[in-house]
PDB file of all heavy atoms in Angstrom:
ATOM      1  N   ASP A   1      92.426 -11.374 -18.445  1.00  0.00           N
ATOM      2  CA  ASP A   1      91.150 -12.067 -18.625  1.00  0.00           C
ATOM      3  C   ASP A   1      89.974 -11.122 -18.379  1.00  0.00           C
ATOM      4  O   ASP A   1      89.004 -11.101 -19.130  1.00  0.00           O
ATOM      5  CB  ASP A   1      91.047 -13.261 -17.672  1.00  0.00           C
ATOM      6  CG  ASP A   1      92.080 -14.336 -17.966  1.00  0.00           C
ATOM      7  OD1 ASP A   1      92.465 -14.459 -19.149  1.00  0.00           O
ATOM      8  OD2 ASP A   1      92.502 -15.023 -17.026  1.00  0.00           O
ATOM      9  N   LYS A   2      90.074 -10.326 -17.309  1.00  0.00           N
ATOM     10  CA  LYS A   2      88.995  -9.394 -16.970  1.00  0.00           C
ATOM     11  C   LYS A   2      88.839  -8.319 -18.034  1.00  0.00           C
ATOM     12  O   LYS A   2      87.719  -7.907 -18.368  1.00  0.00           O
ATOM     13  CB  LYS A   2      89.270  -8.749 -15.611  1.00  0.00           C
ATOM     14  CG  LYS A   2      89.325  -9.744 -14.455  1.00  0.00           C
ATOM     15  CD  LYS A   2      89.792  -9.060 -13.180  1.00  0.00           C
ATOM     16  CE  LYS A   2      89.957 -10.056 -12.047  1.00  0.00           C
ATOM     17  NZ  LYS A   2      90.499  -9.424 -10.823  1.00  0.00           N
ATOM     18  N   LEU A   3      89.965  -7.874 -18.572  1.00  0.00           N
ATOM     19  CA  LEU A   3      89.937  -6.800 -19.557  1.00  0.00           C
ATOM     20  C   LEU A   3      89.216  -7.222 -20.826  1.00  0.00           C
ATOM     21  O   LEU A   3      88.605  -6.393 -21.508  1.00  0.00           O
ATOM     22  CB  LEU A   3      91.375  -6.368 -19.882  1.00  0.00           C
ATOM     23  CG  LEU A   3      91.575  -5.186 -20.824  1.00  0.00           C
ATOM     24  CD1 LEU A   3      91.009  -3.913 -20.199  1.00  0.00           C
ATOM     25  CD2 LEU A   3      93.051  -5.004 -21.151  1.00  0.00           C
ATOM     26  N   LEU A   4      89.263  -8.512 -21.133  1.00  0.00           N
ATOM     27  CA  LEU A   4      88.710  -8.997 -22.388  1.00  0.00           C
ATOM     28  C   LEU A   4      87.330  -9.640 -22.234  1.00  0.00           C
ATOM     29  O   LEU A   4      86.829 -10.257 -23.172  1.00  0.00           O
ATOM     30  CB  LEU A   4      89.680 -10.009 -23.025  1.00  0.00           C
ATOM     31  CG  LEU A   4      91.064  -9.452 -23.392  1.00  0.00           C
ATOM     32  CD1 LEU A   4      91.959 -10.573 -23.906  1.00  0.00           C
ATOM     33  CD2 LEU A   4      90.944  -8.350 -24.441  1.00  0.00           C
ATOM     34  N   THR A   5      86.718  -9.508 -21.061  1.00  0.00           N
ATOM     35  CA  THR A   5      85.402 -10.103 -20.841  1.00  0.00           C
ATOM     36  C   THR A   5      84.353  -9.026 -20.622  1.00  0.00           C
ATOM     37  O   THR A   5      84.634  -7.941 -20.111  1.00  0.00           O
ATOM     38  CB  THR A   5      85.403 -11.038 -19.621  1.00  0.00           C
ATOM     39  OG1 THR A   5      85.689 -10.277 -18.447  1.00  0.00           O
ATOM     40  CG2 THR A   5      86.434 -12.139 -19.787  1.00  0.00           C
ATOM     41  N   ARG A   6      83.130  -9.368 -20.998  1.00  0.00           N
ATOM     42  CA  ARG A   6      82.011  -8.447 -20.792  1.00  0.00           C
ATOM     43  C   ARG A   6      81.768  -8.215 -19.307  1.00  0.00           C
ATOM     44  O   ARG A   6      81.486  -7.100 -18.875  1.00  0.00           O
ATOM     45  CB  ARG A   6      80.764  -9.029 -21.458  1.00  0.00           C
ATOM     46  CG  ARG A   6      79.543  -8.129 -21.389  1.00  0.00           C
ATOM     47  CD  ARG A   6      78.367  -8.748 -22.125  1.00  0.00           C
ATOM     48  NE  ARG A   6      77.199  -7.912 -22.068  1.00  0.00           N
ATOM     49  CZ  ARG A   6      76.019  -8.227 -22.572  1.00  0.00           C
ATOM     50  NH1 ARG A   6      75.882  -9.405 -23.191  1.00  0.00           N
ATOM     51  NH2 ARG A   6      74.992  -7.414 -22.475  1.00  0.00           N
ATOM     52  N   GLU A   7      81.878  -9.289 -18.511  1.00  0.00           N
ATOM     53  CA  GLU A   7      81.632  -9.157 -17.079  1.00  0.00           C
ATOM     54  C   GLU A   7      82.682  -8.270 -16.411  1.00  0.00           C
ATOM     55  O   GLU A   7      82.380  -7.531 -15.473  1.00  0.00           O
ATOM     56  CB  GLU A   7      81.619 -10.542 -16.405  1.00  0.00           C
ATOM     57  CG  GLU A   7      81.035 -10.536 -15.002  1.00  0.00           C
ATOM     58  CD  GLU A   7      79.628  -9.987 -14.970  1.00  0.00           C
ATOM     59  OE1 GLU A   7      78.795 -10.368 -15.815  1.00  0.00           O
ATOM     60  OE2 GLU A   7      79.360  -9.147 -14.085  1.00  0.00           O
ATOM     61  N   GLY A   8      83.920  -8.335 -16.917  1.00  0.00           N
ATOM     62  CA  GLY A   8      84.955  -7.466 -16.376  1.00  0.00           C
ATOM     63  C   GLY A   8      84.615  -5.999 -16.549  1.00  0.00           C
ATOM     64  O   GLY A   8      84.794  -5.187 -15.639  1.00  0.00           O
ATOM     65  N   TRP A   9      84.099  -5.644 -17.717  1.00  0.00           N
ATOM     66  CA  TRP A   9      83.732  -4.247 -17.966  1.00  0.00           C
ATOM     67  C   TRP A   9      82.467  -3.853 -17.222  1.00  0.00           C
ATOM     68  O   TRP A   9      82.291  -2.683 -16.847  1.00  0.00           O
ATOM     69  CB  TRP A   9      83.602  -4.004 -19.464  1.00  0.00           C
ATOM     70  CG  TRP A   9      84.950  -3.808 -20.076  1.00  0.00           C
ATOM     71  CD1 TRP A   9      85.680  -4.720 -20.772  1.00  0.00           C
ATOM     72  CD2 TRP A   9      85.755  -2.637 -19.982  1.00  0.00           C
ATOM     73  NE1 TRP A   9      86.897  -4.193 -21.128  1.00  0.00           N
ATOM     74  CE2 TRP A   9      86.964  -2.906 -20.662  1.00  0.00           C
ATOM     75  CE3 TRP A   9      85.583  -1.385 -19.402  1.00  0.00           C
ATOM     76  CZ2 TRP A   9      87.992  -1.968 -20.764  1.00  0.00           C
ATOM     77  CZ3 TRP A   9      86.595  -0.444 -19.494  1.00  0.00           C
ATOM     78  CH2 TRP A   9      87.781  -0.753 -20.172  1.00  0.00           C
ATOM     79  N   LYS A  10      81.564  -4.810 -16.999  1.00  0.00           N
ATOM     80  CA  LYS A  10      80.408  -4.502 -16.163  1.00  0.00           C
ATOM     81  C   LYS A  10      80.854  -4.144 -14.745  1.00  0.00           C
ATOM     82  O   LYS A  10      80.328  -3.220 -14.122  1.00  0.00           O
ATOM     83  CB  LYS A  10      79.444  -5.695 -16.127  1.00  0.00           C
ATOM     84  CG  LYS A  10      78.655  -5.901 -17.409  1.00  0.00           C
ATOM     85  CD  LYS A  10      77.700  -7.068 -17.258  1.00  0.00           C
ATOM     86  CE  LYS A  10      76.892  -7.296 -18.532  1.00  0.00           C
ATOM     87  NZ  LYS A  10      75.973  -8.452 -18.382  1.00  0.00           N
ATOM     88  N   ASN A  11      81.832  -4.886 -14.228  1.00  0.00           N
ATOM     89  CA  ASN A  11      82.366  -4.560 -12.910  1.00  0.00           C
ATOM     90  C   ASN A  11      83.036  -3.192 -12.911  1.00  0.00           C
ATOM     91  O   ASN A  11      82.945  -2.450 -11.937  1.00  0.00           O
ATOM     92  CB  ASN A  11      83.351  -5.638 -12.461  1.00  0.00           C
ATOM     93  CG  ASN A  11      82.651  -6.902 -12.005  1.00  0.00           C
ATOM     94  OD1 ASN A  11      81.478  -6.874 -11.631  1.00  0.00           O
ATOM     95  ND2 ASN A  11      83.359  -8.021 -12.020  1.00  0.00           N
ATOM     96  N   ALA A  12      83.717  -2.883 -14.017  1.00  0.00           N
ATOM     97  CA  ALA A  12      84.324  -1.554 -14.124  1.00  0.00           C
ATOM     98  C   ALA A  12      83.256  -0.467 -14.076  1.00  0.00           C
ATOM     99  O   ALA A  12      83.426   0.575 -13.420  1.00  0.00           O
ATOM    100  CB  ALA A  12      85.138  -1.454 -15.418  1.00  0.00           C
ATOM    101  N   PHE A  13      82.143  -0.690 -14.760  1.00  0.00           N
ATOM    102  CA  PHE A  13      81.042   0.279 -14.743  1.00  0.00           C
ATOM    103  C   PHE A  13      80.460   0.418 -13.341  1.00  0.00           C
ATOM    104  O   PHE A  13      80.136   1.511 -12.887  1.00  0.00           O
ATOM    105  CB  PHE A  13      79.946  -0.162 -15.724  1.00  0.00           C
ATOM    106  CG  PHE A  13      80.228   0.207 -17.157  1.00  0.00           C
ATOM    107  CD1 PHE A  13      81.494   0.611 -17.554  1.00  0.00           C
ATOM    108  CD2 PHE A  13      79.226   0.150 -18.103  1.00  0.00           C
ATOM    109  CE1 PHE A  13      81.754   0.959 -18.883  1.00  0.00           C
ATOM    110  CE2 PHE A  13      79.462   0.503 -19.428  1.00  0.00           C
ATOM    111  CZ  PHE A  13      80.738   0.908 -19.814  1.00  0.00           C
ATOM    112  N   ARG A  14      80.308  -0.720 -12.636  1.00  0.00           N
ATOM    113  CA  ARG A  14      79.777  -0.652 -11.269  1.00  0.00           C
ATOM    114  C   ARG A  14      80.733   0.104 -10.354  1.00  0.00           C
ATOM    115  O   ARG A  14      80.312   0.875  -9.482  1.00  0.00           O
ATOM    116  CB  ARG A  14      79.535  -2.069 -10.734  1.00  0.00           C
ATOM    117  CG  ARG A  14      78.470  -2.853 -11.495  1.00  0.00           C
ATOM    118  CD  ARG A  14      78.204  -4.211 -10.857  1.00  0.00           C
ATOM    119  NE  ARG A  14      77.285  -4.987 -11.681  1.00  0.00           N
ATOM    120  CZ  ARG A  14      77.640  -6.007 -12.438  1.00  0.00           C
ATOM    121  NH1 ARG A  14      78.910  -6.405 -12.470  1.00  0.00           N
ATOM    122  NH2 ARG A  14      76.742  -6.658 -13.164  1.00  0.00           N
ATOM    123  N   ASN A  15      82.018  -0.109 -10.540  1.00  0.00           N
ATOM    124  CA  ASN A  15      82.997   0.624  -9.737  1.00  0.00           C
ATOM    125  C   ASN A  15      82.929   2.125 -10.014  1.00  0.00           C
ATOM    126  O   ASN A  15      83.116   2.946  -9.112  1.00  0.00           O
ATOM    127  CB  ASN A  15      84.413   0.109 -10.029  1.00  0.00           C
ATOM    128  CG  ASN A  15      84.674  -1.246  -9.421  1.00  0.00           C
ATOM    129  OD1 ASN A  15      83.998  -1.654  -8.480  1.00  0.00           O
ATOM    130  ND2 ASN A  15      85.639  -1.963  -9.954  1.00  0.00           N
ATOM    131  N   ALA A  16      82.701   2.488 -11.285  1.00  0.00           N
ATOM    132  CA  ALA A  16      82.594   3.904 -11.625  1.00  0.00           C
ATOM    133  C   ALA A  16      81.428   4.552 -10.888  1.00  0.00           C
ATOM    134  O   ALA A  16      81.540   5.673 -10.364  1.00  0.00           O
ATOM    135  CB  ALA A  16      82.428   4.071 -13.133  1.00  0.00           C
ATOM    136  N   ILE A  17      80.298   3.842 -10.804  1.00  0.00           N
ATOM    137  CA  ILE A  17      79.163   4.370 -10.049  1.00  0.00           C
ATOM    138  C   ILE A  17      79.506   4.422  -8.564  1.00  0.00           C
ATOM    139  O   ILE A  17      79.071   5.325  -7.833  1.00  0.00           O
ATOM    140  CB  ILE A  17      77.903   3.511 -10.294  1.00  0.00           C
ATOM    141  CG1 ILE A  17      77.488   3.621 -11.766  1.00  0.00           C
ATOM    142  CG2 ILE A  17      76.763   3.946  -9.393  1.00  0.00           C
ATOM    143  CD1 ILE A  17      77.177   5.035 -12.220  1.00  0.00           C
ATOM    144  N   GLY A  18      80.324   3.476  -8.102  1.00  0.00           N
ATOM    145  CA  GLY A  18      80.793   3.537  -6.717  1.00  0.00           C
ATOM    146  C   GLY A  18      81.589   4.803  -6.447  1.00  0.00           C
ATOM    147  O   GLY A  18      81.491   5.400  -5.370  1.00  0.00           O
ATOM    148  N   GLU A  19      82.402   5.234  -7.430  1.00  0.00           N
ATOM    149  CA  GLU A  19      83.135   6.490  -7.287  1.00  0.00           C
ATOM    150  C   GLU A  19      82.156   7.661  -7.165  1.00  0.00           C
ATOM    151  O   GLU A  19      82.348   8.571  -6.351  1.00  0.00           O
ATOM    152  CB  GLU A  19      84.042   6.697  -8.506  1.00  0.00           C
ATOM    153  CG  GLU A  19      85.204   5.737  -8.601  1.00  0.00           C
ATOM    154  CD  GLU A  19      86.233   5.980  -7.522  1.00  0.00           C
ATOM    155  OE1 GLU A  19      86.655   7.138  -7.345  1.00  0.00           O
ATOM    156  OE2 GLU A  19      86.599   5.017  -6.834  1.00  0.00           O
ATOM    157  N   TRP A  20      81.104   7.641  -7.999  1.00  0.00           N
ATOM    158  CA  TRP A  20      80.086   8.695  -7.885  1.00  0.00           C
ATOM    159  C   TRP A  20      79.401   8.645  -6.526  1.00  0.00           C
ATOM    160  O   TRP A  20      79.114   9.693  -5.927  1.00  0.00           O
ATOM    161  CB  TRP A  20      79.043   8.537  -8.995  1.00  0.00           C
ATOM    162  CG  TRP A  20      79.486   9.022 -10.321  1.00  0.00           C
ATOM    163  CD1 TRP A  20      79.841   8.275 -11.398  1.00  0.00           C
ATOM    164  CD2 TRP A  20      79.637  10.393 -10.737  1.00  0.00           C
ATOM    165  NE1 TRP A  20      80.204   9.085 -12.456  1.00  0.00           N
ATOM    166  CE2 TRP A  20      80.076  10.387 -12.080  1.00  0.00           C
ATOM    167  CE3 TRP A  20      79.433  11.622 -10.095  1.00  0.00           C
ATOM    168  CZ2 TRP A  20      80.322  11.554 -12.787  1.00  0.00           C
ATOM    169  CZ3 TRP A  20      79.672  12.789 -10.810  1.00  0.00           C
ATOM    170  CH2 TRP A  20      80.111  12.749 -12.137  1.00  0.00           C
ATOM    171  N   ASP A  21      79.113   7.443  -6.019  1.00  0.00           N
ATOM    172  CA  ASP A  21      78.490   7.317  -4.701  1.00  0.00           C
ATOM    173  C   ASP A  21      79.320   7.997  -3.624  1.00  0.00           C
ATOM    174  O   ASP A  21      78.785   8.644  -2.720  1.00  0.00           O
ATOM    175  CB  ASP A  21      78.313   5.830  -4.330  1.00  0.00           C
ATOM    176  CG  ASP A  21      77.147   5.184  -5.054  1.00  0.00           C
ATOM    177  OD1 ASP A  21      76.274   5.928  -5.545  1.00  0.00           O
ATOM    178  OD2 ASP A  21      77.106   3.944  -5.120  1.00  0.00           O
ATOM    179  N   MET A  22      80.632   7.842  -3.722  1.00  0.00           N
ATOM    180  CA  MET A  22      81.516   8.429  -2.715  1.00  0.00           C
ATOM    181  C   MET A  22      81.647   9.939  -2.863  1.00  0.00           C
ATOM    182  O   MET A  22      81.789  10.662  -1.884  1.00  0.00           O
ATOM    183  CB  MET A  22      82.915   7.794  -2.806  1.00  0.00           C
ATOM    184  CG  MET A  22      83.018   6.384  -2.277  1.00  0.00           C
ATOM    185  SD  MET A  22      84.738   5.864  -2.122  1.00  0.00           S
ATOM    186  CE  MET A  22      85.251   5.802  -3.836  1.00  0.00           C
ATOM    187  N   LEU A  23      81.595  10.426  -4.101  1.00  0.00           N
ATOM    188  CA  LEU A  23      82.057  11.792  -4.345  1.00  0.00           C
ATOM    189  C   LEU A  23      81.009  12.807  -4.788  1.00  0.00           C
ATOM    190  O   LEU A  23      81.278  14.002  -4.729  1.00  0.00           O
ATOM    191  CB  LEU A  23      83.162  11.748  -5.414  1.00  0.00           C
ATOM    192  CG  LEU A  23      84.521  11.260  -4.951  1.00  0.00           C
ATOM    193  CD1 LEU A  23      85.443  11.083  -6.146  1.00  0.00           C
ATOM    194  CD2 LEU A  23      85.133  12.230  -3.967  1.00  0.00           C
ATOM    195  N   TRP A  24      79.836  12.373  -5.231  1.00  0.00           N
ATOM    196  CA  TRP A  24      78.957  13.343  -5.877  1.00  0.00           C
ATOM    197  C   TRP A  24      78.529  14.451  -4.921  1.00  0.00           C
ATOM    198  O   TRP A  24      78.416  15.617  -5.337  1.00  0.00           O
ATOM    199  CB  TRP A  24      77.746  12.644  -6.496  1.00  0.00           C
ATOM    200  CG  TRP A  24      76.656  12.254  -5.524  1.00  0.00           C
ATOM    201  CD1 TRP A  24      76.509  11.054  -4.906  1.00  0.00           C
ATOM    202  CD2 TRP A  24      75.566  13.077  -5.091  1.00  0.00           C
ATOM    203  NE1 TRP A  24      75.401  11.068  -4.090  1.00  0.00           N
ATOM    204  CE2 TRP A  24      74.798  12.301  -4.196  1.00  0.00           C
ATOM    205  CE3 TRP A  24      75.168  14.383  -5.357  1.00  0.00           C
ATOM    206  CZ2 TRP A  24      73.653  12.788  -3.571  1.00  0.00           C
ATOM    207  CZ3 TRP A  24      74.025  14.871  -4.739  1.00  0.00           C
ATOM    208  CH2 TRP A  24      73.278  14.083  -3.856  1.00  0.00           C
ATOM    209  N   GLU A  25      78.291  14.120  -3.648  1.00  0.00           N
ATOM    210  CA  GLU A  25      77.881  15.155  -2.703  1.00  0.00           C
ATOM    211  C   GLU A  25      79.011  16.162  -2.476  1.00  0.00           C
ATOM    212  O   GLU A  25      78.771  17.374  -2.406  1.00  0.00           O
ATOM    213  CB  GLU A  25      77.465  14.521  -1.380  1.00  0.00           C
ATOM    214  CG  GLU A  25      76.165  13.727  -1.464  1.00  0.00           C
ATOM    215  CD  GLU A  25      75.778  13.106  -0.147  1.00  0.00           C
ATOM    216  OE1 GLU A  25      76.666  12.983   0.731  1.00  0.00           O
ATOM    217  OE2 GLU A  25      74.597  12.749   0.025  1.00  0.00           O
ATOM    218  N   ASP A  26      80.258  15.651  -2.360  1.00  0.00           N
ATOM    219  CA  ASP A  26      81.401  16.542  -2.164  1.00  0.00           C
ATOM    220  C   ASP A  26      81.625  17.424  -3.391  1.00  0.00           C
ATOM    221  O   ASP A  26      81.933  18.613  -3.268  1.00  0.00           O
ATOM    222  CB  ASP A  26      82.665  15.732  -1.875  1.00  0.00           C
ATOM    223  CG  ASP A  26      82.670  15.155  -0.466  1.00  0.00           C
ATOM    224  OD1 ASP A  26      81.917  15.687   0.377  1.00  0.00           O
ATOM    225  OD2 ASP A  26      83.394  14.188  -0.220  1.00  0.00           O
ATOM    226  N   ILE A  27      81.502  16.829  -4.575  1.00  0.00           N
ATOM    227  CA  ILE A  27      81.690  17.613  -5.794  1.00  0.00           C
ATOM    228  C   ILE A  27      80.620  18.692  -5.913  1.00  0.00           C
ATOM    229  O   ILE A  27      80.911  19.857  -6.208  1.00  0.00           O
ATOM    230  CB  ILE A  27      81.677  16.688  -7.027  1.00  0.00           C
ATOM    231  CG1 ILE A  27      82.916  15.795  -7.017  1.00  0.00           C
ATOM    232  CG2 ILE A  27      81.605  17.499  -8.315  1.00  0.00           C
ATOM    233  CD1 ILE A  27      82.929  14.752  -8.117  1.00  0.00           C
ATOM    234  N   ALA A  28      79.362  18.308  -5.663  1.00  0.00           N
ATOM    235  CA  ALA A  28      78.278  19.296  -5.721  1.00  0.00           C
ATOM    236  C   ALA A  28      78.505  20.398  -4.697  1.00  0.00           C
ATOM    237  O   ALA A  28      78.342  21.595  -4.995  1.00  0.00           O
ATOM    238  CB  ALA A  28      76.935  18.607  -5.485  1.00  0.00           C
ATOM    239  N   ALA A  29      78.886  20.013  -3.482  1.00  0.00           N
ATOM    240  CA  ALA A  29      79.142  21.016  -2.444  1.00  0.00           C
ATOM    241  C   ALA A  29      80.290  21.934  -2.841  1.00  0.00           C
ATOM    242  O   ALA A  29      80.242  23.151  -2.613  1.00  0.00           O
ATOM    243  CB  ALA A  29      79.451  20.323  -1.115  1.00  0.00           C
ATOM    244  N   GLY A  30      81.329  21.351  -3.441  1.00  0.00           N
ATOM    245  CA  GLY A  30      82.467  22.169  -3.869  1.00  0.00           C
ATOM    246  C   GLY A  30      82.075  23.189  -4.920  1.00  0.00           C
ATOM    247  O   GLY A  30      82.492  24.356  -4.866  1.00  0.00           O
ATOM    248  N   PHE A  31      81.270  22.768  -5.883  1.00  0.00           N
ATOM    249  CA  PHE A  31      80.804  23.697  -6.918  1.00  0.00           C
ATOM    250  C   PHE A  31      79.949  24.803  -6.316  1.00  0.00           C
ATOM    251  O   PHE A  31      80.076  25.975  -6.674  1.00  0.00           O
ATOM    252  CB  PHE A  31      80.004  22.938  -7.974  1.00  0.00           C
ATOM    253  CG  PHE A  31      80.864  22.234  -8.997  1.00  0.00           C
ATOM    254  CD1 PHE A  31      82.089  21.697  -8.654  1.00  0.00           C
ATOM    255  CD2 PHE A  31      80.441  22.104 -10.305  1.00  0.00           C
ATOM    256  CE1 PHE A  31      82.875  21.046  -9.593  1.00  0.00           C
ATOM    257  CE2 PHE A  31      81.217  21.460 -11.259  1.00  0.00           C
ATOM    258  CZ  PHE A  31      82.440  20.929 -10.899  1.00  0.00           C
ATOM    259  N   VAL A  32      79.058  24.435  -5.394  1.00  0.00           N
ATOM    260  CA  VAL A  32      78.178  25.435  -4.776  1.00  0.00           C
ATOM    261  C   VAL A  32      78.972  26.411  -3.917  1.00  0.00           C
ATOM    262  O   VAL A  32      78.759  27.633  -3.973  1.00  0.00           O
ATOM    263  CB  VAL A  32      77.087  24.733  -3.942  1.00  0.00           C
ATOM    264  CG1 VAL A  32      76.310  25.761  -3.112  1.00  0.00           C
ATOM    265  CG2 VAL A  32      76.134  23.970  -4.851  1.00  0.00           C
ATOM    266  N   VAL A  33      79.894  25.894  -3.109  1.00  0.00           N
ATOM    267  CA  VAL A  33      80.715  26.767  -2.263  1.00  0.00           C
ATOM    268  C   VAL A  33      81.519  27.738  -3.125  1.00  0.00           C
ATOM    269  O   VAL A  33      81.577  28.942  -2.848  1.00  0.00           O
ATOM    270  CB  VAL A  33      81.650  25.927  -1.364  1.00  0.00           C
ATOM    271  CG1 VAL A  33      82.704  26.813  -0.710  1.00  0.00           C
ATOM    272  CG2 VAL A  33      80.839  25.203  -0.296  1.00  0.00           C
ATOM    273  N   ALA A  34      82.150  27.203  -4.172  1.00  0.00           N
ATOM    274  CA  ALA A  34      82.932  28.079  -5.058  1.00  0.00           C
ATOM    275  C   ALA A  34      82.044  29.128  -5.709  1.00  0.00           C
ATOM    276  O   ALA A  34      82.432  30.300  -5.849  1.00  0.00           O
ATOM    277  CB  ALA A  34      83.640  27.244  -6.126  1.00  0.00           C
ATOM    278  N   ALA A  35      80.829  28.727  -6.099  1.00  0.00           N
ATOM    279  CA  ALA A  35      79.904  29.669  -6.738  1.00  0.00           C
ATOM    280  C   ALA A  35      79.477  30.762  -5.775  1.00  0.00           C
ATOM    281  O   ALA A  35      79.425  31.952  -6.135  1.00  0.00           O
ATOM    282  CB  ALA A  35      78.681  28.915  -7.259  1.00  0.00           C
ATOM    283  N   LEU A  36      79.156  30.397  -4.539  1.00  0.00           N
ATOM    284  CA  LEU A  36      78.735  31.392  -3.551  1.00  0.00           C
ATOM    285  C   LEU A  36      79.867  32.351  -3.206  1.00  0.00           C
ATOM    286  O   LEU A  36      79.656  33.561  -3.043  1.00  0.00           O
ATOM    287  CB  LEU A  36      78.221  30.692  -2.293  1.00  0.00           C
ATOM    288  CG  LEU A  36      76.916  29.897  -2.458  1.00  0.00           C
ATOM    289  CD1 LEU A  36      76.598  29.135  -1.175  1.00  0.00           C
ATOM    290  CD2 LEU A  36      75.774  30.832  -2.825  1.00  0.00           C
ATOM    291  N   ILE A  37      81.078  31.809  -3.114  1.00  0.00           N
ATOM    292  CA  ILE A  37      82.226  32.671  -2.829  1.00  0.00           C
ATOM    293  C   ILE A  37      82.473  33.622  -3.990  1.00  0.00           C
ATOM    294  O   ILE A  37      82.727  34.820  -3.803  1.00  0.00           O
ATOM    295  CB  ILE A  37      83.480  31.808  -2.540  1.00  0.00           C
ATOM    296  CG1 ILE A  37      83.319  31.110  -1.190  1.00  0.00           C
ATOM    297  CG2 ILE A  37      84.736  32.674  -2.536  1.00  0.00           C
ATOM    298  CD1 ILE A  37      84.422  30.119  -0.880  1.00  0.00           C
ATOM    299  N   ALA A  38      82.377  33.086  -5.216  1.00  0.00           N
ATOM    300  CA  ALA A  38      82.579  33.944  -6.390  1.00  0.00           C
ATOM    301  C   ALA A  38      81.534  35.044  -6.464  1.00  0.00           C
ATOM    302  O   ALA A  38      81.816  36.169  -6.891  1.00  0.00           O
ATOM    303  CB  ALA A  38      82.545  33.096  -7.662  1.00  0.00           C
ATOM    304  N   ALA A  39      80.287  34.723  -6.038  1.00  0.00           N
ATOM    305  CA  ALA A  39      79.191  35.684  -6.157  1.00  0.00           C
ATOM    306  C   ALA A  39      79.162  36.703  -5.030  1.00  0.00           C
ATOM    307  O   ALA A  39      78.803  37.869  -5.244  1.00  0.00           O
ATOM    308  CB  ALA A  39      77.854  34.944  -6.217  1.00  0.00           C
ATOM    309  N   PHE A  40      79.551  36.289  -3.812  1.00  0.00           N
ATOM    310  CA  PHE A  40      79.336  37.160  -2.651  1.00  0.00           C
ATOM    311  C   PHE A  40      80.607  37.662  -1.980  1.00  0.00           C
ATOM    312  O   PHE A  40      80.543  38.601  -1.189  1.00  0.00           O
ATOM    313  CB  PHE A  40      78.476  36.425  -1.613  1.00  0.00           C
ATOM    314  CG  PHE A  40      77.057  36.211  -2.053  1.00  0.00           C
ATOM    315  CD1 PHE A  40      76.636  34.962  -2.502  1.00  0.00           C
ATOM    316  CD2 PHE A  40      76.143  37.247  -2.039  1.00  0.00           C
ATOM    317  CE1 PHE A  40      75.333  34.760  -2.921  1.00  0.00           C
ATOM    318  CE2 PHE A  40      74.829  37.054  -2.454  1.00  0.00           C
ATOM    319  CZ  PHE A  40      74.420  35.810  -2.894  1.00  0.00           C
TER     320      PHE A  40
END
């Protein structure tokens, strides 16, 4: 039922932003750390 409804996909979109809320700082930090290590 959820898969075939507009509201179900809206919830999926909100959950996706929730994943970004949890991870964006860690991902950004990981990219920066890797870049600094590669450079220095």
